[in-house]
């Protein structure tokens, strides 16, 4: 059960996980299940579906990493199951099996289902919706249309209108390809849109009223239109960046994707493969032209790209591969060797991790497995090639989740600060902090935006610690009786967390 393995092996730290998990905790704590907040401030980044699942996780497992991540893992399990069952029904068991092997081996894709973020829910419900639409296309059974539109409504509640827009575009292009555009209304697009809106509109309207339009403006304008039209938070680049994300997200089998897409989109190919190829290209091309680019944006299309690969592999196992597939194999083997080498170099260059270069050994199974698998491919024992390559990807994922990430996380500022603050201490945040702190301390941490407010709070408090990650610390260090206790570089961001202690607070812990 790769999806559920080691969910609680390391605490929540990275920015997106921390903000989403804390927003869910604050919903649970306040009893306000309509308006999301992060550290007491309105959070307009995402709709609420994942918050509700996280709250249920907290009810079951406590406010822990396991509670926040459990239903993300369940979404991953369901995504694999849905992909397998629909592919087996409408194509073949062999294609279904190889499709799931591709996804299981894609360790960066599987990692997404170990994160407390909205993307696992978006992926699952987009996949469920699009497969159900295909089932309706083939069978004309209305129950599939109903499930398709309900699922896309839930996907919209997970991450917004992108679920409707890209799914609708994919379906439309598929119908055009199959010469069915004139029969488009036979697929109930208007009723479907009404169904989607019936699922998601009550919450969007409710939060709009509750925040007097502030959430609506922040989400639809800043986090949707602006993200497409402008580079946000430094996440931009050439259109090739998106394709690089796809390459990493579906590695190691992704090296066969160009020929798999070409194979899938041929006129004489089964409609399911054509459908999957169109969905994959729509998502990847759309986010290639978006100004903001992130690895998770294209992930709802990965099960469909994997379906193209799975079908191509099933065909190749039965009929033989082409000579240029050997070129793809060699590229994959070479890239796999670069993973432990690159990991070693990256760890060695960072002073925090130069004594942990042995962690790069966790990427060796991928490199060795690719070499061994390649030998079987060359001998035309394709089944063993697929199995060994998939096992190497799964082992890599398990080592990342159980060993590499937990060890790296030991260097996080959150753990360093926790070891130095007494339980009875009063903690004041100056200007800014790492997003993981409110969740870690399970409370809203009031921020003093300037020195005047900081001094006012210091005068009212005893046993005070000051936490900040701002670069403007000169004014703090000029305070009487101030002592620097912790100075720790953030793991994945360009700032330093500092913890200061006033002399009136003892250093021992209770």
Protein backbone atom coordinates (compact mmCIF):
# COMPACT_ATOMS: atom_id res chain seq x y z
CA UNK A 1 0.00 0.00 0.00
CA UNK A 2 2.44 2.61 -1.26
CA UNK A 3 -0.11 5.41 -0.90
CA UNK A 4 -0.37 4.97 2.88
CA UNK A 5 3.26 4.10 3.63
CA UNK A 6 5.11 6.39 6.09
CA UNK A 7 2.51 9.18 6.10
CA UNK A 8 3.52 10.11 9.65
CA UNK A 9 7.27 9.59 9.30
CA UNK A 10 8.07 13.31 9.19
CA UNK A 11 6.18 16.43 10.31
CA UNK A 12 4.50 18.92 8.02
CA UNK A 13 6.91 21.68 7.09
CA UNK A 14 6.81 22.79 3.44
CA UNK A 15 4.85 25.96 2.74
CA UNK A 16 1.80 24.60 0.92
CA UNK A 17 1.28 21.67 3.28
CA UNK A 18 1.66 23.86 6.34
CA UNK A 19 -0.82 26.50 5.20
CA UNK A 20 -3.46 24.01 4.09
CA UNK A 21 -3.16 21.80 7.16
CA UNK A 22 -3.24 24.80 9.51
CA UNK A 23 -6.28 26.30 7.76
CA UNK A 24 -8.10 23.01 8.33
CA UNK A 25 -7.01 22.99 11.99
CA UNK A 26 -8.31 26.52 12.49
CA UNK A 27 -11.63 25.55 10.91
CA UNK A 28 -11.92 22.68 13.37
CA UNK A 29 -10.83 24.81 16.32
CA UNK A 30 -13.15 27.74 15.58
CA UNK A 31 -16.14 25.76 14.36
CA UNK A 32 -16.34 28.08 11.34
CA UNK A 33 -16.59 25.59 8.47
CA UNK A 34 -17.44 28.20 5.85
CA UNK A 35 -14.57 30.71 5.76
CA UNK A 36 -10.95 29.46 5.69
CA UNK A 37 -8.27 31.26 7.69
CA UNK A 38 -4.53 30.80 8.07
CA UNK A 39 -3.04 32.12 11.29
CA UNK A 40 -6.17 34.21 11.80
CA UNK A 41 -6.04 35.82 8.34
CA UNK A 42 -8.46 35.14 5.49
CA UNK A 43 -7.03 32.47 3.18
CA UNK A 44 -8.21 32.82 -0.41
CA UNK A 45 -5.82 30.39 -2.06
CA UNK A 46 -8.11 27.36 -2.41
CA UNK A 47 -11.73 26.19 -2.07
CA UNK A 48 -12.59 24.04 0.95
CA UNK A 49 -12.94 20.38 -0.08
CA UNK A 50 -9.53 19.29 1.20
CA UNK A 51 -10.07 21.19 4.45
CA UNK A 52 -13.15 19.11 5.19
CA UNK A 53 -11.31 15.85 4.55
CA UNK A 54 -8.40 17.01 6.73
CA UNK A 55 -10.82 17.89 9.52
CA UNK A 56 -12.18 14.35 9.33
CA UNK A 57 -8.60 13.11 9.43
CA UNK A 58 -7.96 15.18 12.56
CA UNK A 59 -11.08 13.69 14.14
CA UNK A 60 -9.78 10.19 13.42
CA UNK A 61 -6.04 10.57 14.07
CA UNK A 62 -5.62 13.85 15.93
CA UNK A 63 -4.01 17.03 14.63
CA UNK A 64 -1.01 15.20 13.22
CA UNK A 65 0.72 14.72 9.90
CA UNK A 66 -1.17 11.43 9.56
CA UNK A 67 -4.49 13.18 10.13
CA UNK A 68 -3.70 15.85 7.54
CA UNK A 69 -2.35 13.44 4.93
CA UNK A 70 -4.55 10.36 5.34
CA UNK A 71 -7.28 11.31 2.89
CA UNK A 72 -4.71 12.55 0.37
CA UNK A 73 -3.36 8.99 0.40
CA UNK A 74 -6.89 7.63 0.05
CA UNK A 75 -7.39 9.84 -3.01
CA UNK A 76 -4.24 8.32 -4.49
CA UNK A 77 -5.50 4.81 -3.82
CA UNK A 78 -8.84 5.64 -5.43
CA UNK A 79 -7.13 7.26 -8.42
CA UNK A 80 -5.17 4.07 -9.09
CA UNK A 81 -8.26 1.92 -8.61
CA UNK A 82 -10.45 4.07 -10.87
CA UNK A 83 -7.80 4.12 -13.59
CA UNK A 84 -7.34 0.36 -13.45
CA UNK A 85 -11.04 -0.54 -13.42
CA UNK A 86 -12.09 1.77 -16.25
CA UNK A 87 -9.09 0.81 -18.41
CA UNK A 88 -9.75 -2.89 -17.87
CA UNK A 89 -13.42 -2.51 -18.74
CA UNK A 90 -13.03 -0.42 -21.88
CA UNK A 91 -9.68 -1.70 -23.12
CA UNK A 92 -7.84 -4.70 -21.64
CA UNK A 93 -6.55 -6.07 -18.37
CA UNK A 94 -2.97 -5.96 -19.65
CA UNK A 95 -3.21 -2.28 -20.56
CA UNK A 96 -4.81 -1.58 -17.16
CA UNK A 97 -2.03 -3.41 -15.32
CA UNK A 98 0.76 -1.63 -17.17
CA UNK A 99 -0.95 1.74 -16.67
CA UNK A 100 -0.99 1.23 -12.91
CA UNK A 101 2.64 0.05 -12.97
CA UNK A 102 3.60 3.29 -14.72
CA UNK A 103 1.85 5.35 -12.02
CA UNK A 104 3.27 3.33 -9.11
CA UNK A 105 6.78 3.70 -10.49
CA UNK A 106 6.35 7.48 -10.89
CA UNK A 107 7.70 8.34 -7.44
CA UNK A 108 7.24 12.11 -7.72
CA UNK A 109 3.61 11.60 -8.75
CA UNK A 110 3.05 9.19 -5.86
CA UNK A 111 4.65 11.74 -3.55
CA UNK A 112 1.77 14.13 -4.27
CA UNK A 113 -0.57 11.77 -2.43
CA UNK A 114 1.66 12.03 0.65
CA UNK A 115 1.02 15.78 0.93
CA UNK A 116 -1.71 17.68 2.78
CA UNK A 117 -2.63 19.80 -0.25
CA UNK A 118 -5.72 20.06 -2.50
CA UNK A 119 -4.14 18.45 -5.57
CA UNK A 120 -4.82 14.80 -4.60
CA UNK A 121 -8.53 15.63 -4.41
CA UNK A 122 -8.46 17.49 -7.72
CA UNK A 123 -6.63 14.62 -9.40
CA UNK A 124 -8.99 11.96 -8.06
CA UNK A 125 -12.23 13.72 -8.96
CA UNK A 126 -11.03 14.91 -12.38
CA UNK A 127 -9.99 11.32 -13.17
CA UNK A 128 -13.31 9.97 -11.89
CA UNK A 129 -15.27 12.57 -13.83
CA UNK A 130 -13.46 12.10 -17.13
CA UNK A 131 -13.56 8.31 -17.00
CA UNK A 132 -17.27 8.40 -16.21
CA UNK A 133 -17.85 10.69 -19.17
CA UNK A 134 -16.05 8.20 -21.40
CA UNK A 135 -18.23 5.42 -19.99
CA UNK A 136 -21.30 7.50 -20.86
CA UNK A 137 -19.90 8.10 -24.35
CA UNK A 138 -19.57 4.35 -24.89
CA UNK A 139 -22.70 3.04 -23.14
CA UNK A 140 -25.15 5.96 -23.11
CA UNK A 141 -26.09 4.99 -19.57
CA UNK A 142 -27.16 8.19 -17.83
CA UNK A 143 -25.76 7.12 -14.46
CA UNK A 144 -22.27 7.66 -15.86
CA UNK A 145 -23.14 11.19 -16.98
CA UNK A 146 -24.49 11.91 -13.51
CA UNK A 147 -21.31 10.67 -11.84
CA UNK A 148 -19.17 12.56 -14.34
CA UNK A 149 -20.73 15.91 -13.61
CA UNK A 150 -20.94 15.37 -9.84
CA UNK A 151 -17.24 14.44 -9.82
CA UNK A 152 -16.27 17.54 -11.77
CA UNK A 153 -18.31 19.61 -9.31
CA UNK A 154 -16.27 18.13 -6.46
CA UNK A 155 -13.07 18.75 -8.42
CA UNK A 156 -14.13 22.40 -8.69
CA UNK A 157 -14.61 22.48 -4.91
CA UNK A 158 -11.08 21.12 -4.62
CA UNK A 159 -9.24 23.69 -6.71
CA UNK A 160 -11.56 25.89 -8.69
CA UNK A 161 -12.73 26.42 -12.28
CA UNK A 162 -9.66 24.84 -13.88
CA UNK A 163 -11.39 21.49 -13.36
CA UNK A 164 -14.35 22.54 -15.50
CA UNK A 165 -12.37 24.44 -18.13
CA UNK A 166 -9.74 21.84 -18.98
CA UNK A 167 -12.06 18.86 -18.64
CA UNK A 168 -14.62 20.56 -20.88
CA UNK A 169 -11.97 21.46 -23.45
CA UNK A 170 -10.66 17.89 -23.47
CA UNK A 171 -14.13 16.42 -23.94
CA UNK A 172 -14.96 18.92 -26.68
CA UNK A 173 -11.80 18.15 -28.67
CA UNK A 174 -12.41 14.42 -28.32
CA UNK A 175 -15.95 14.74 -29.67
CA UNK A 176 -14.63 16.80 -32.59
CA UNK A 177 -11.98 14.15 -33.30
CA UNK A 178 -14.64 11.43 -33.33
CA UNK A 179 -16.96 13.47 -35.55
CA UNK A 180 -19.53 13.84 -32.79
CA UNK A 181 -19.54 17.63 -32.42
CA UNK A 182 -22.98 17.93 -34.01
CA UNK A 183 -24.34 15.51 -31.41
CA UNK A 184 -22.78 17.44 -28.52
CA UNK A 185 -26.13 18.12 -26.87
CA UNK A 186 -26.72 14.38 -26.59
CA UNK A 187 -24.15 14.50 -23.80
CA UNK A 188 -26.20 16.99 -21.74
CA UNK A 189 -23.59 19.77 -21.48
CA UNK A 190 -26.08 22.34 -20.13
CA UNK A 191 -27.58 19.96 -17.59
CA UNK A 192 -24.04 18.88 -16.74
CA UNK A 193 -22.95 22.45 -16.08
CA UNK A 194 -26.03 22.97 -13.93
CA UNK A 195 -25.13 19.82 -12.01
CA UNK A 196 -21.55 20.97 -11.50
CA UNK A 197 -22.72 24.36 -10.27
CA UNK A 198 -25.27 22.73 -7.97
CA UNK A 199 -22.40 20.94 -6.23
CA UNK A 200 -20.01 23.86 -5.84
CA UNK A 201 -22.05 27.09 -6.00
CA UNK A 202 -23.60 26.94 -2.48
CA UNK A 203 -20.18 27.17 -0.85
CA UNK A 204 -18.80 29.78 -3.27
CA UNK A 205 -21.89 31.93 -2.75
CA UNK A 206 -21.83 31.45 1.01
CA UNK A 207 -18.19 32.44 1.39
CA UNK A 208 -18.76 35.40 -0.94
CA UNK A 209 -21.48 36.72 1.36
CA UNK A 210 -19.59 35.94 4.55
CA UNK A 211 -16.48 37.82 3.43
CA UNK A 212 -18.30 40.58 1.53
CA UNK A 213 -16.64 39.49 -1.70
CA UNK A 214 -13.08 39.44 -0.36
CA UNK A 215 -12.63 35.69 -0.81
CA UNK A 216 -14.15 35.78 -4.31
CA UNK A 217 -11.81 38.54 -5.43
CA UNK A 218 -8.75 36.95 -3.88
CA UNK A 219 -9.39 33.51 -5.31
CA UNK A 220 -10.76 34.14 -8.79
CA UNK A 221 -8.69 37.21 -9.63
CA UNK A 222 -5.42 36.71 -7.75
CA UNK A 223 -5.13 32.93 -7.64
CA UNK A 224 -6.64 32.06 -11.03
CA UNK A 225 -6.55 34.83 -13.63
CA UNK A 226 -3.38 36.45 -12.28
CA UNK A 227 -1.56 33.12 -11.97
CA UNK A 228 -2.23 32.40 -15.63
CA UNK A 229 -1.38 35.91 -16.84
CA UNK A 230 1.54 36.70 -14.51
CA UNK A 231 4.41 34.87 -12.86
CA UNK A 232 3.59 34.37 -9.19
CA UNK A 233 6.09 33.78 -6.38
CA UNK A 234 8.93 33.28 -8.86
CA UNK A 235 7.36 30.16 -10.41
CA UNK A 236 7.75 31.02 -14.08
CA UNK A 237 9.94 30.11 -17.02
CA UNK A 238 9.85 28.94 -20.62
CA UNK A 239 7.13 26.60 -21.85
CA UNK A 240 9.68 23.78 -21.63
CA UNK A 241 9.57 24.04 -17.83
CA UNK A 242 6.14 22.42 -17.82
CA UNK A 243 7.40 19.55 -19.98
CA UNK A 244 10.34 19.13 -17.60
CA UNK A 245 7.87 18.79 -14.72
CA UNK A 246 6.01 16.10 -16.68
CA UNK A 247 9.30 14.32 -17.36
CA UNK A 248 10.15 14.20 -13.66
CA UNK A 249 6.58 13.48 -12.59
CA UNK A 250 6.26 10.34 -14.74
CA UNK A 251 9.87 9.17 -14.61
CA UNK A 252 11.13 6.48 -15.26
CA UNK A 253 8.67 5.34 -17.97
CA UNK A 254 8.12 8.86 -19.32
CA UNK A 255 11.00 8.44 -21.78
CA UNK A 256 8.57 6.49 -23.99
CA UNK A 257 5.88 9.18 -23.86
CA UNK A 258 6.46 10.81 -27.29
CA UNK A 259 5.93 7.57 -29.18
CA UNK A 260 3.14 6.52 -26.80
CA UNK A 261 1.22 9.72 -27.55
CA UNK A 262 1.79 9.31 -31.28
CA UNK A 263 0.59 5.70 -31.05
CA UNK A 264 -2.48 6.65 -28.98
CA UNK A 265 -3.67 9.42 -31.29
CA UNK A 266 -3.66 7.43 -34.51
CA UNK A 267 -7.01 7.26 -36.32
CA UNK A 268 -7.23 3.49 -36.07
CA UNK A 269 -6.48 3.42 -32.36
CA UNK A 270 -9.08 2.49 -29.74
CA UNK A 271 -11.09 5.58 -28.65
CA UNK A 272 -9.97 5.29 -25.02
CA UNK A 273 -6.33 5.87 -25.98
CA UNK A 274 -7.28 8.80 -28.21
CA UNK A 275 -9.32 10.26 -25.35
CA UNK A 276 -6.43 9.85 -22.90
CA UNK A 277 -3.94 11.40 -25.31
CA UNK A 278 -6.14 14.45 -25.87
CA UNK A 279 -6.61 14.97 -22.12
CA UNK A 280 -2.87 14.73 -21.52
CA UNK A 281 -2.00 17.21 -24.25
CA UNK A 282 -4.72 19.69 -23.22
CA UNK A 283 -3.46 19.90 -19.64
CA UNK A 284 0.22 20.04 -20.52
CA UNK A 285 -0.15 22.58 -23.34
CA UNK A 286 -2.44 24.81 -21.28
CA UNK A 287 0.02 25.05 -18.41
CA UNK A 288 2.92 25.43 -20.84
CA UNK A 289 1.51 28.82 -21.85
CA UNK A 290 0.55 29.80 -18.30
CA UNK A 291 2.94 32.37 -16.84
CA UNK A 292 2.97 30.60 -13.46
CA UNK A 293 4.35 27.07 -13.64
CA UNK A 294 4.40 24.50 -10.86
CA UNK A 295 5.00 20.72 -10.89
CA UNK A 296 1.54 19.84 -9.60
CA UNK A 297 -0.47 21.77 -12.20
CA UNK A 298 -0.40 19.05 -14.87
CA UNK A 299 -0.82 16.10 -12.51
CA UNK A 300 -4.57 15.51 -13.13
CA UNK A 301 -3.53 14.42 -16.63
CA UNK A 302 -0.89 11.91 -15.47
CA UNK A 303 -3.25 8.92 -15.16
CA UNK A 304 -4.28 9.55 -18.77
CA UNK A 305 -0.70 9.94 -19.97
CA UNK A 306 0.07 6.75 -18.06
CA UNK A 307 -2.83 5.11 -19.91
CA UNK A 308 -1.18 6.02 -23.21
CA UNK A 309 2.05 4.49 -21.94
CA UNK A 310 0.27 1.42 -20.57
CA UNK A 311 -1.48 0.80 -23.87
CA UNK A 312 1.74 1.31 -25.80
CA UNK A 313 3.57 -1.15 -23.54
CA UNK A 314 0.78 -3.74 -23.84
CA UNK A 315 1.04 -3.44 -27.62
CA UNK A 316 4.84 -3.65 -27.49
CA UNK A 317 4.89 -6.71 -25.23
CA UNK A 318 2.60 -8.54 -27.62
CA UNK A 319 3.99 -7.28 -30.93
CA UNK A 320 7.51 -6.12 -30.18
CA UNK A 321 9.02 -2.66 -29.74
CA UNK A 322 10.65 -0.52 -32.41
CA UNK A 323 14.32 0.31 -32.75
CA UNK A 324 13.87 3.89 -31.61
CA UNK A 325 12.39 2.60 -28.34
CA UNK A 326 15.92 1.50 -27.52
CA UNK A 327 16.99 5.14 -27.77
CA UNK A 328 14.33 6.04 -25.19
CA UNK A 329 15.53 3.18 -23.00
CA UNK A 330 19.12 4.45 -23.10
CA UNK A 331 17.98 7.99 -22.26
CA UNK A 332 16.06 6.63 -19.27
CA UNK A 333 19.04 4.62 -18.04
CA UNK A 334 21.38 7.62 -18.32
CA UNK A 335 18.96 9.94 -16.48
CA UNK A 336 18.45 7.32 -13.76
CA UNK A 337 22.23 7.28 -13.12
CA UNK A 338 22.13 11.05 -12.69
CA UNK A 339 19.71 10.88 -9.76
CA UNK A 340 22.17 9.56 -7.11
CA UNK A 341 25.01 11.61 -8.64
CA UNK A 342 22.93 14.79 -8.59
CA UNK A 343 21.66 14.03 -5.09
CA UNK A 344 25.22 13.56 -3.83
CA UNK A 345 26.37 16.83 -5.43
CA UNK A 346 23.40 18.80 -4.09
CA UNK A 347 23.88 17.53 -0.53
CA UNK A 348 27.63 18.12 -0.63
CA UNK A 349 27.24 21.74 -1.72
CA UNK A 350 24.90 22.64 1.16
CA UNK A 351 26.72 23.06 4.50
CA UNK A 352 23.65 21.80 6.37
CA UNK A 353 23.70 18.47 4.57
CA UNK A 354 27.36 17.90 3.70
CA UNK A 355 27.51 15.24 6.43
CA UNK A 356 24.42 13.55 4.97
CA UNK A 357 25.69 12.82 1.48
CA UNK A 358 25.00 9.15 2.17
CA UNK A 359 21.30 9.95 1.71
CA UNK A 360 21.96 9.95 -2.02
CA UNK A 361 22.32 6.18 -1.63
CA UNK A 362 18.54 6.06 -1.41
CA UNK A 363 18.46 6.87 -5.13
CA UNK A 364 20.80 4.03 -6.09
CA UNK A 365 17.99 1.44 -6.48
CA UNK A 366 16.56 3.58 -9.27
CA UNK A 367 19.90 3.69 -11.07
CA UNK A 368 20.70 0.00 -10.61
CA UNK A 369 17.14 -1.10 -11.33
CA UNK A 370 17.13 0.83 -14.60
CA UNK A 371 20.34 -0.88 -15.69
CA UNK A 372 19.06 -4.36 -14.84
CA UNK A 373 15.69 -3.66 -16.42
CA UNK A 374 17.44 -2.38 -19.55
CA UNK A 375 19.24 -5.69 -19.98
CA UNK A 376 15.92 -7.54 -20.05
CA UNK A 377 14.51 -5.03 -22.54
CA UNK A 378 17.50 -5.61 -24.81
CA UNK A 379 16.90 -9.36 -24.58
CA UNK A 380 13.25 -8.72 -25.52
CA UNK A 381 12.01 -10.02 -22.18
CA UNK A 382 9.66 -7.07 -21.91
CA UNK A 383 7.54 -8.29 -19.02
CA UNK A 384 10.55 -8.58 -16.72
CA UNK A 385 11.75 -5.17 -17.91
CA UNK A 386 8.45 -3.58 -16.91
CA UNK A 387 8.32 -5.29 -13.52
CA UNK A 388 11.94 -4.55 -12.55
CA UNK A 389 11.70 -0.93 -13.68
CA UNK A 390 8.45 -0.46 -11.76
CA UNK A 391 9.92 -2.05 -8.63
CA UNK A 392 12.90 0.32 -8.78
CA UNK A 393 10.51 3.30 -8.85
CA UNK A 394 8.46 1.96 -5.94
CA UNK A 395 11.61 1.31 -3.88
CA UNK A 396 12.75 4.86 -4.58
CA UNK A 397 9.43 6.21 -3.34
CA UNK A 398 9.60 4.11 -0.17
CA UNK A 399 13.14 5.28 0.56
CA UNK A 400 12.14 8.90 0.01
CA UNK A 401 9.17 8.63 2.37
CA UNK A 402 10.82 6.51 5.08
CA UNK A 403 14.41 7.72 5.16
CA UNK A 404 15.48 10.62 2.94
CA UNK A 405 12.69 13.12 3.70
CA UNK A 406 12.55 12.36 7.46
CA UNK A 407 16.32 12.76 7.76
CA UNK A 408 16.38 16.06 5.86
CA UNK A 409 13.44 17.29 7.92
CA UNK A 410 15.51 16.94 11.08
CA UNK A 411 17.26 20.13 9.95
CA UNK A 412 14.06 22.17 9.85
CA UNK A 413 13.88 25.42 11.86
CA UNK A 414 10.63 24.24 13.46
CA UNK A 415 12.32 21.37 15.27
CA UNK A 416 15.27 23.59 16.26
CA UNK A 417 12.93 26.19 17.77
CA UNK A 418 10.81 23.60 19.57
CA UNK A 419 13.86 22.29 21.42
CA UNK A 420 14.63 25.75 22.84
CA UNK A 421 11.24 27.14 23.92
CA UNK A 422 9.88 26.24 27.37
CA UNK A 423 6.24 25.18 27.39
CA UNK A 424 5.31 28.12 29.61
CA UNK A 425 7.06 30.72 27.44
CA UNK A 426 5.27 33.55 25.68
CA UNK A 427 6.08 33.48 21.96
CA UNK A 428 5.85 36.68 19.89
CA UNK A 429 6.30 36.71 16.12
CA UNK A 430 7.98 39.73 14.58
CA UNK A 431 6.94 40.55 10.98
CA UNK A 432 7.00 37.02 9.53
CA UNK A 433 7.69 33.35 10.23
CA UNK A 434 7.80 29.95 8.54
CA UNK A 435 4.27 28.78 7.75
CA UNK A 436 4.71 25.55 9.73
CA UNK A 437 4.90 27.20 13.16
CA UNK A 438 1.15 27.77 13.82
CA UNK A 439 0.36 24.14 12.98
CA UNK A 440 3.30 22.88 15.01
CA UNK A 441 2.25 24.83 18.11
CA UNK A 442 -1.46 24.24 17.32
CA UNK A 443 -2.44 27.86 17.79
CA UNK A 444 -2.69 31.18 15.99
CA UNK A 445 0.52 33.15 16.50
CA UNK A 446 -0.14 36.87 16.55
CA UNK A 447 2.32 38.83 14.44
CA UNK A 448 3.80 42.18 15.46
CA UNK A 449 4.30 44.03 12.16
CA UNK A 450 6.65 46.72 13.51
CA UNK A 451 8.88 47.57 16.46
CA UNK A 452 6.27 49.72 18.19
CA UNK A 453 3.78 46.87 18.45
CA UNK A 454 6.56 44.45 19.39
CA UNK A 455 7.76 46.66 22.26
CA UNK A 456 4.19 47.16 23.46
CA UNK A 457 3.70 43.40 23.66
CA UNK A 458 7.06 42.88 25.35
CA UNK A 459 6.09 45.32 28.09
CA UNK A 460 2.97 43.27 28.81
CA UNK A 461 4.66 39.87 28.84
CA UNK A 462 7.06 37.83 30.88
CA UNK A 463 9.31 34.97 29.78
CA UNK A 464 9.18 36.13 26.19
CA UNK A 465 10.71 34.61 23.08
CA UNK A 466 10.73 36.46 19.75
CA UNK A 467 10.43 34.46 16.54
CA UNK A 468 11.10 35.90 13.09
CA UNK A 469 12.42 35.09 9.64
CA UNK A 470 12.72 38.68 8.44
CA UNK A 471 16.11 39.95 7.33
CA UNK A 472 15.52 43.20 9.24
CA UNK A 473 16.74 42.08 12.65
CA UNK A 474 19.02 44.99 13.61
CA UNK A 475 16.29 46.68 15.63
CA UNK A 476 15.57 43.47 17.55
CA UNK A 477 19.21 42.90 18.41
CA UNK A 478 19.41 46.41 19.89
CA UNK A 479 16.78 45.57 22.54
CA UNK A 480 18.04 45.37 26.11
CA UNK A 481 18.60 41.88 27.42
CA UNK A 482 18.08 40.16 24.07
CA UNK A 483 19.90 36.93 23.26
CA UNK A 484 19.95 34.94 20.01
CA UNK A 485 18.99 31.34 20.76
CA UNK A 486 18.39 29.77 17.34
CA UNK A 487 19.53 30.74 13.86
CA UNK A 488 18.45 28.22 11.23
CA UNK A 489 18.23 28.36 7.44
CA UNK A 490 14.87 27.32 5.98
CA UNK A 491 14.98 23.97 4.21
CA UNK A 492 13.48 24.99 0.88
CA UNK A 493 13.22 28.79 0.99
CA UNK A 494 15.70 31.64 1.00
CA UNK A 495 15.37 32.97 4.54
CA UNK A 496 16.67 32.33 8.04
CA UNK A 497 14.55 31.67 11.11
CA UNK A 498 15.81 33.33 14.28
CA UNK A 499 14.63 32.85 17.84
CA UNK A 500 15.54 35.43 20.51
CA UNK A 501 15.15 35.19 24.28
CA UNK A 502 14.83 37.97 26.83
CA UNK A 503 16.86 37.73 30.02
CA UNK A 504 13.75 37.41 32.19
CA UNK A 505 13.09 33.91 30.79
CA UNK A 506 15.10 30.96 32.18
CA UNK A 507 16.89 28.69 29.74
CA UNK A 508 15.81 25.36 31.25
CA UNK A 509 12.80 23.47 29.90
CA UNK A 510 9.87 22.17 31.88
